[in-house]
C-alpha atoms as a PDB file:
ATOM      1  CA  MET A   1      -5.769   2.505 -10.416  1.00  0.00           C
ATOM      2  CA  THR A   2      -4.929   5.881  -8.893  1.00  0.00           C
ATOM      3  CA  GLN A   3      -7.792   7.086 -11.577  1.00  0.00           C
ATOM      4  CA  THR A   4      -9.394  10.338 -11.390  1.00  0.00           C
ATOM      5  CA  ASN A   5     -13.313  10.994 -11.898  1.00  0.00           C
ATOM      6  CA  ASP A   6     -15.991  13.210  -9.757  1.00  0.00           C
ATOM      7  CA  THR A   7     -16.473  11.371  -6.980  1.00  0.00           C
ATOM      8  CA  SER A   8     -11.853  12.285  -6.212  1.00  0.00           C
ATOM      9  CA  VAL A   9     -10.087  13.001  -3.733  1.00  0.00           C
ATOM     10  CA  LYS A  10      -7.605  13.274  -2.375  1.00  0.00           C
ATOM     11  CA  ILE A  11      -6.851  12.688   1.473  1.00  0.00           C
ATOM     12  CA  VAL A  12      -3.197  13.329   3.526  1.00  0.00           C
ATOM     13  CA  PHE A  13      -1.397   9.975   5.768  1.00  0.00           C
ATOM     14  CA  ARG A  14       0.583  11.635   8.145  1.00  0.00           C
ATOM     15  CA  PHE A  15       1.523   8.594  10.608  1.00  0.00           C
ATOM     16  CA  PHE A  16       5.294   6.766  12.052  1.00  0.00           C
ATOM     17  CA  SER A  17       6.612   5.000   9.692  1.00  0.00           C
ATOM     18  CA  ASN A  18       8.845   2.131  10.520  1.00  0.00           C
ATOM     19  CA  VAL A  19      10.360   1.823   6.555  1.00  0.00           C
ATOM     20  CA  LEU A  20      11.370   5.206   6.585  1.00  0.00           C
ATOM     21  CA  ASP A  21      12.378   6.028  10.860  1.00  0.00           C
ATOM     22  CA  GLU A  22      10.472   9.078  10.866  1.00  0.00           C
ATOM     23  CA  TRP A  23       7.045  10.874  10.561  1.00  0.00           C
ATOM     24  CA  THR A  24       5.904  11.040   7.229  1.00  0.00           C
ATOM     25  CA  VAL A  25       3.307  12.460   4.938  1.00  0.00           C
ATOM     26  CA  GLU A  26       1.782  10.791   1.921  1.00  0.00           C
ATOM     27  CA  THR A  27      -1.286  11.336  -0.160  1.00  0.00           C
ATOM     28  CA  MET A  28      -3.166   8.814  -1.850  1.00  0.00           C
ATOM     29  CA  TRP A  29      -6.085   9.675  -4.222  1.00  0.00           C
ATOM     30  CA  ALA A  30      -9.672   7.645  -3.015  1.00  0.00           C
ATOM     31  CA  ASN A  31     -13.265   7.586  -3.920  1.00  0.00           C
ATOM     32  CA  THR A  32     -16.023   9.405  -1.836  1.00  0.00           C
ATOM     33  CA  VAL A  33     -18.530   6.416  -0.166  1.00  0.00           C
ATOM     34  CA  ASP A  34     -20.666   9.407   1.763  1.00  0.00           C
ATOM     35  CA  ALA A  35     -19.297  12.937   2.231  1.00  0.00           C
ATOM     36  CA  GLU A  36     -21.741  13.344   4.626  1.00  0.00           C
ATOM     37  CA  LYS A  37     -19.489  10.806   7.194  1.00  0.00           C
ATOM     38  CA  GLY A  38     -16.507  11.474   5.764  1.00  0.00           C
ATOM     39  CA  HIS A  39     -15.936   7.851   4.435  1.00  0.00           C
ATOM     40  CA  TYR A  40     -13.981   7.620   1.610  1.00  0.00           C
ATOM     41  CA  LYS A  41     -12.253   4.243  -0.596  1.00  0.00           C
ATOM     42  CA  LEU A  42      -8.456   3.923  -1.418  1.00  0.00           C
ATOM     43  CA  ASP A  43      -8.227   3.771  -5.166  1.00  0.00           C
ATOM     44  CA  SER A  44      -4.202   3.757  -4.510  1.00  0.00           C
ATOM     45  CA  ILE A  45      -1.326   1.716  -3.803  1.00  0.00           C
ATOM     46  CA  PRO A  46       0.326   3.341  -0.310  1.00  0.00           C
ATOM     47  CA  PHE A  47       3.843   3.737  -0.446  1.00  0.00           C
ATOM     48  CA  TYR A  48       4.550   4.139   3.577  1.00  0.00           C
ATOM     49  CA  ALA A  49       0.730   4.124   5.333  1.00  0.00           C
ATOM     50  CA  PRO A  50      -0.202   1.490   6.476  1.00  0.00           C
ATOM     51  CA  VAL A  51      -3.193   0.786   5.182  1.00  0.00           C
ATOM     52  CA  ALA A  52      -4.568  -0.945   1.618  1.00  0.00           C
ATOM     53  CA  SER A  53      -5.915  -0.180  -1.429  1.00  0.00           C
ATOM     54  CA  ASP A  54     -10.008  -0.054  -1.187  1.00  0.00           C
ATOM     55  CA  ASP A  55     -10.331   0.232   3.097  1.00  0.00           C
ATOM     56  CA  ILE A  56     -12.520   2.407   2.913  1.00  0.00           C
ATOM     57  CA  VAL A  57     -11.634   4.823   5.852  1.00  0.00           C
ATOM     58  CA  PHE A  58     -12.669   8.247   8.169  1.00  0.00           C
ATOM     59  CA  ALA A  59     -11.037  11.816   6.820  1.00  0.00           C
ATOM     60  CA  GLU A  60     -12.187  14.592   7.175  1.00  0.00           C
ATOM     61  CA  TYR A  61     -10.620  18.776   6.112  1.00  0.00           C
ATOM     62  CA  ASP A  62      -7.710  19.480   8.685  1.00  0.00           C
ATOM     63  CA  GLU A  63      -7.096  22.979   9.253  1.00  0.00           C
ATOM     64  CA  THR A  64      -3.104  23.188   9.562  1.00  0.00           C
ATOM     65  CA  GLU A  65      -2.730  20.835   6.320  1.00  0.00           C
ATOM     66  CA  GLU A  66      -5.612  22.712   4.126  1.00  0.00           C
ATOM     67  CA  ARG A  67      -7.019  19.477   2.955  1.00  0.00           C
ATOM     68  CA  LEU A  68      -9.019  16.255   4.388  1.00  0.00           C
ATOM     69  CA  THR A  69      -6.977  14.375   6.493  1.00  0.00           C
ATOM     70  CA  TYR A  70      -6.567  10.347   7.826  1.00  0.00           C
ATOM     71  CA  ARG A  71      -8.440   9.773  11.058  1.00  0.00           C
ATOM     72  CA  GLU A  72      -9.206   6.167  10.868  1.00  0.00           C
ATOM     73  CA  THR A  73      -9.686   3.130   8.895  1.00  0.00           C
ATOM     74  CA  VAL A  74     -13.243   1.667   9.605  1.00  0.00           C
ATOM     75  CA  GLU A  75     -13.610  -0.998   7.112  1.00  0.00           C
ATOM     76  CA  HIS A  76     -10.401  -3.092   6.239  1.00  0.00           C
ATOM     77  CA  SER A  77     -10.829  -4.373   2.096  1.00  0.00           C
ATOM     78  CA  GLY A  78      -8.700  -7.925   3.341  1.00  0.00           C
ATOM     79  CA  ASN A  79      -6.143  -6.407   0.291  1.00  0.00           C
ATOM     80  CA  SER A  80      -2.514  -6.380   1.344  1.00  0.00           C
ATOM     81  CA  THR A  81       0.204  -3.296   1.460  1.00  0.00           C
ATOM     82  CA  VAL A  82       3.970  -5.096   0.871  1.00  0.00           C
ATOM     83  CA  GLN A  83       6.838  -3.302   0.403  1.00  0.00           C
ATOM     84  CA  VAL A  84       9.995  -4.272  -1.575  1.00  0.00           C
ATOM     85  CA  ILE A  85      13.165  -2.304  -1.403  1.00  0.00           C
ATOM     86  CA  LEU A  86      15.649  -3.637  -4.091  1.00  0.00           C
ATOM     87  CA  LEU A  87      18.985  -4.928  -2.409  1.00  0.00           C
ATOM     88  CA  ASP A  88      20.863  -6.226  -5.324  1.00  0.00           C
ATOM     89  CA  THR A  89      20.833  -3.162  -7.401  1.00  0.00           C
ATOM     90  CA  SER A  90      22.425  -5.724 -10.318  1.00  0.00           C
ATOM     91  CA  LYS A  91      18.596  -6.738 -10.300  1.00  0.00           C
ATOM     92  CA  ASP A  92      16.192  -5.051 -12.190  1.00  0.00           C
ATOM     93  CA  ILE A  93      13.559  -3.951 -11.063  1.00  0.00           C
ATOM     94  CA  ASN A  94      10.999  -4.677 -13.137  1.00  0.00           C
ATOM     95  CA  SER A  95      11.796  -8.074 -13.323  1.00  0.00           C
ATOM     96  CA  ILE A  96      10.315  -7.983  -9.800  1.00  0.00           C
ATOM     97  CA  ARG A  97       7.255  -6.937 -10.562  1.00  0.00           C
ATOM     98  CA  ASP A  98       6.413  -8.719 -13.017  1.00  0.00           C
ATOM     99  CA  ALA A  99       7.530 -11.891 -11.128  1.00  0.00           C
ATOM    100  CA  PHE A 100       4.921 -10.841  -8.633  1.00  0.00           C
ATOM    101  CA  LYS A 101       2.507  -8.982 -10.888  1.00  0.00           C
ATOM    102  CA  ASN A 102       2.417 -13.137 -12.825  1.00  0.00           C
ATOM    103  CA  LEU A 103       0.687 -13.706  -9.637  1.00  0.00           C
ATOM    104  CA  GLY A 104      -1.977 -11.004  -9.537  1.00  0.00           C
ATOM    105  CA  CYS A 105      -0.491  -8.424  -7.475  1.00  0.00           C
ATOM    106  CA  ILE A 106       0.016  -5.212  -8.977  1.00  0.00           C
ATOM    107  CA  SER A 107       2.253  -2.680  -7.457  1.00  0.00           C
ATOM    108  CA  GLU A 108       3.148   0.526  -7.325  1.00  0.00           C
ATOM    109  CA  LYS A 109       7.187   1.400  -8.271  1.00  0.00           C
ATOM    110  CA  LEU A 110       8.738   5.085  -6.801  1.00  0.00           C
ATOM    111  CA  ASN A 111      12.036   4.578  -7.049  1.00  0.00           C
ATOM    112  CA  ASP A 112      14.543   2.209  -9.641  1.00  0.00           C
ATOM    113  CA  GLN A 113      15.215   0.421  -6.190  1.00  0.00           C
ATOM    114  CA  TYR A 114      12.033   0.270  -4.613  1.00  0.00           C
ATOM    115  CA  PHE A 115       7.669  -0.704  -4.632  1.00  0.00           C
ATOM    116  CA  ALA A 116       5.238  -0.798  -2.496  1.00  0.00           C
ATOM    117  CA  MET A 117       2.802  -4.322  -4.271  1.00  0.00           C
ATOM    118  CA  GLU A 118      -0.728  -5.365  -3.370  1.00  0.00           C
ATOM    119  CA  ILE A 119      -1.876  -8.504  -1.910  1.00  0.00           C
ATOM    120  CA  PRO A 120      -5.622  -8.505  -3.212  1.00  0.00           C
ATOM    121  CA  ALA A 121      -7.899 -10.395  -0.511  1.00  0.00           C
ATOM    122  CA  ALA A 122      -8.924 -13.138  -2.773  1.00  0.00           C
ATOM    123  CA  LYS A 123      -5.005 -14.468  -2.996  1.00  0.00           C
ATOM    124  CA  ASP A 124      -3.325 -16.448  -1.452  1.00  0.00           C
ATOM    125  CA  TYR A 125      -0.816 -14.834  -0.038  1.00  0.00           C
ATOM    126  CA  SER A 126       1.589 -18.174   1.088  1.00  0.00           C
ATOM    127  CA  PRO A 127       2.758 -18.996  -2.915  1.00  0.00           C
ATOM    128  CA  ILE A 128       3.770 -14.642  -2.283  1.00  0.00           C
ATOM    129  CA  ARG A 129       5.005 -15.211   0.425  1.00  0.00           C
ATOM    130  CA  GLN A 130       7.684 -17.830  -0.086  1.00  0.00           C
ATOM    131  CA  ILE A 131       9.354 -16.464  -3.389  1.00  0.00           C
ATOM    132  CA  LEU A 132       9.243 -12.875  -1.479  1.00  0.00           C
ATOM    133  CA  THR A 133      11.157 -15.160   1.408  1.00  0.00           C
ATOM    134  CA  GLU A 134      13.578 -16.968  -0.856  1.00  0.00           C
ATOM    135  CA  LEU A 135      14.810 -13.434  -2.980  1.00  0.00           C
ATOM    136  CA  GLU A 136      14.935 -11.678   0.266  1.00  0.00           C
ATOM    137  CA  ASP A 137      17.706 -14.862   1.233  1.00  0.00           C
ATOM    138  CA  ALA A 138      19.045 -15.257  -1.460  1.00  0.00           C
ATOM    139  CA  GLU A 139      20.635 -11.250   0.089  1.00  0.00           C
ATOM    140  CA  ILE A 140      18.160  -9.584  -3.370  1.00  0.00           C
ATOM    141  CA  ILE A 141      15.761  -7.470  -1.758  1.00  0.00           C
ATOM    142  CA  CYS A 142      14.311  -7.174   1.717  1.00  0.00           C
ATOM    143  CA  TYR A 143      10.610  -6.631   2.736  1.00  0.00           C
ATOM    144  CA  ALA A 144       8.305  -5.319   4.933  1.00  0.00           C
ATOM    145  CA  GLU A 145       4.032  -6.426   5.393  1.00  0.00           C
ATOM    146  CA  PRO A 146       3.130  -2.691   6.799  1.00  0.00           C
ATOM    147  CA  CYS A 147      -0.290  -3.969   6.450  1.00  0.00           C
ATOM    148  CA  LEU A 148      -1.209  -7.207   6.227  1.00  0.00           C
ATOM    149  CA  ALA A 149      -5.258  -8.193   5.873  1.00  0.00           C
ATOM    150  CA  LYS A 150      -6.034 -11.029   8.279  1.00  0.00           C
ATOM    151  CA  ASN A 151      -6.806 -13.625   5.529  1.00  0.00           C
ATOM    152  CA  HIS A 152      -3.257 -13.175   4.748  1.00  0.00           C
ATOM    153  CA  CYS A 153      -2.032 -13.630   8.469  1.00  0.00           C
ATOM    154  CA  TYR A 154       0.603 -16.850   9.419  1.00  0.00           C
ATOM    155  CA  GLU A 155       1.701 -18.912  12.342  1.00  0.00           C
END
């Protein structure tokens, strides 16, 4: 992900983060779908924003932000985003990321204690969530599901 080409743009997301418990600004790459309509397809895994990669969003130029700014999601991709915080710092965050990568879930690492992970639309979330829950129960991580697609919801 996060590639640039002729149709790539950066979009600002301003929102209240429940993880950080504060108003947050995040910038993500997107590819232009229809510039006249202001439609862009996200090409980033968000660290905090409650959207998912490949979602199509409506963004418009904002004078205050001086760039394209997110207004709403117009089409959900079916991908989900999970945020993971490493609690047990004796563990290697990259090993945990690799375990999920082997299950088909790529991630973006912010630092040695935090990463955001994409659950592709076609993946069964149950075994992935089971591992997340086991790691959380063992107090190795804690996780949040800020953007859980309908196809990944559970009871």
